[in-house]
Each structure stands twice: as structure tokens, then as C-alpha cells.
């Protein structure tokens, strides 16, 4: 499972987040800092845990700090779009903190190294990409339903994060809110996005459609963890939910939105 999770994380670090940052009005230095940190962080994934891995993971974690600060600045003026985009900019900080701890072999806040590794992956996609797509959709579609979706995605993401520190039922509640928000985002993209370019439309529709399956898996896993009901192992979740979100949702979605922006 480790190699698969590393590949998923690299997709987030080197492709999904850089593509997403180009969709946000940011100074170019933010993107340059990110790429430098992401390359170092990606190399750290393949080294044995220890000093060298931590030294390479640290620039990645540092590159998340200006993004998080910018996210907070945007959320001062709280609109649905700012809430979603601000949350997206803050989520890599969670991933960066988890990566440094995991590469150092430290069970941060009592979480196992396996959970920390999956946290790094999770907050690139269910954190950054999901919230950013919700914000972009709200800008493009507008209306009350779009605003609800744009607010529910960051709310669900933050509930999931809170569940890490409180209870598995809180995490399940976060998964419910996040799933509802992402399904609403996907449905609004299917219903209201009018895109002439066939490639762009296909990428956006694939990204939206993949969410139907991957978020069912997320719900079933969170319910199983909270209730003790049978559910997929973490290895199977990485191979199904993780791969689907990385390639189908995250990568296709960011490519679609990027091509759409270039066409406008």
C-alpha cells in the first residue's frame, strides 16, 4: 500500500495543487515556492524514515504556510466562494504537518504512521481539490444551491478533521456533509455548466461522475469505523477511493477547470 499511497500523494503535490493554484489569483512566488517544496516533499516519500526524509519534507511543509495565510485573509470577507477557496488554501498545511511527522516516525497526536500517511493524501484531494472545485463551481454557476454546495464542502472537510481529534461519529458526520456537498457540486456541474469544448466538458463530467462512487466508499468506511460494521480495509480504500479521487476527480477536474480558464 505504501507505494500506491506515495504515487497518489505525488499526483496531489506535483499536479493537482499546482494546477489548482493557477486557478486562484495569487502572486507567482506562491506557485514557485510550492513547486520547490513539492519536489523536495515528493523525494522524501521514497526515503527511509529519518533525518534526511524530514529535511526534504520540511520545505514542503513551509511552502504551505503562505497559502494558509492567504486562505485566512480571504475568509475574513466570508462569502461562499471565499469560504471554499480559503479552506482549499489552508488544507495543504494539514498535509504538510502530517508529512513531516510521518517522515520522522513521530506518531503526531497519537495517530499511527499509516494514518498520518493517508492524511497527507486525503488533504490534497478531499481537502484542497474538493474545496477549490466547490468554489470554482459557485463562481461559474451562482445561485442558492451553488452557495450551499460551496459552504457544505469546507464544512464537511473541517468536520472530518475535527473527528480525528474527537470521535469517529463526528468524522462520519463530516463524511456525510462532505459527500452531500460534493454530490451537489457534481450535479450542478452536470446540470448547469455549459461548455462547448468536448475535451473540457468530458474532463469536468468525469470528475463530477467519479464522486458518486468514491464518496459512497468514503461514507461506508466512516460508518464502519464508527459502528463496527464490516467495511473495506485501508489498503482497499487506497486502491479504490484513493485512486478514483486522485485521477478521476482531482486530476481530471483540475485539468478541466484549467483548460476552461484558458479558453475564456
Foldseek 3Di string as FASTA:
>chain_A
DLVLLLVLLLLLQQPQVLLLVVVDPDPPVLSVLSNQLSVLQSVLSPDAQADSSLVSLVSNLVSLVVLLVVLVVLCVPPALLSPLQSQLSNLQNLLSVLSNCLSNLHCPVVNHSVVSSVSNSCCSFLTNQLSSLLSVLCVVFPDDLSSLLSNQSSVLVVQLVVCVVPHLVSNLVSLVSNLVSLLSSLVCLVPPPDDPDPLLNVLSNQQSVLSVPLSVLVNQVSVCVRPVDDHDDPVVNCVRNSVSRSVRRRNSNSVSVSVVVVVD
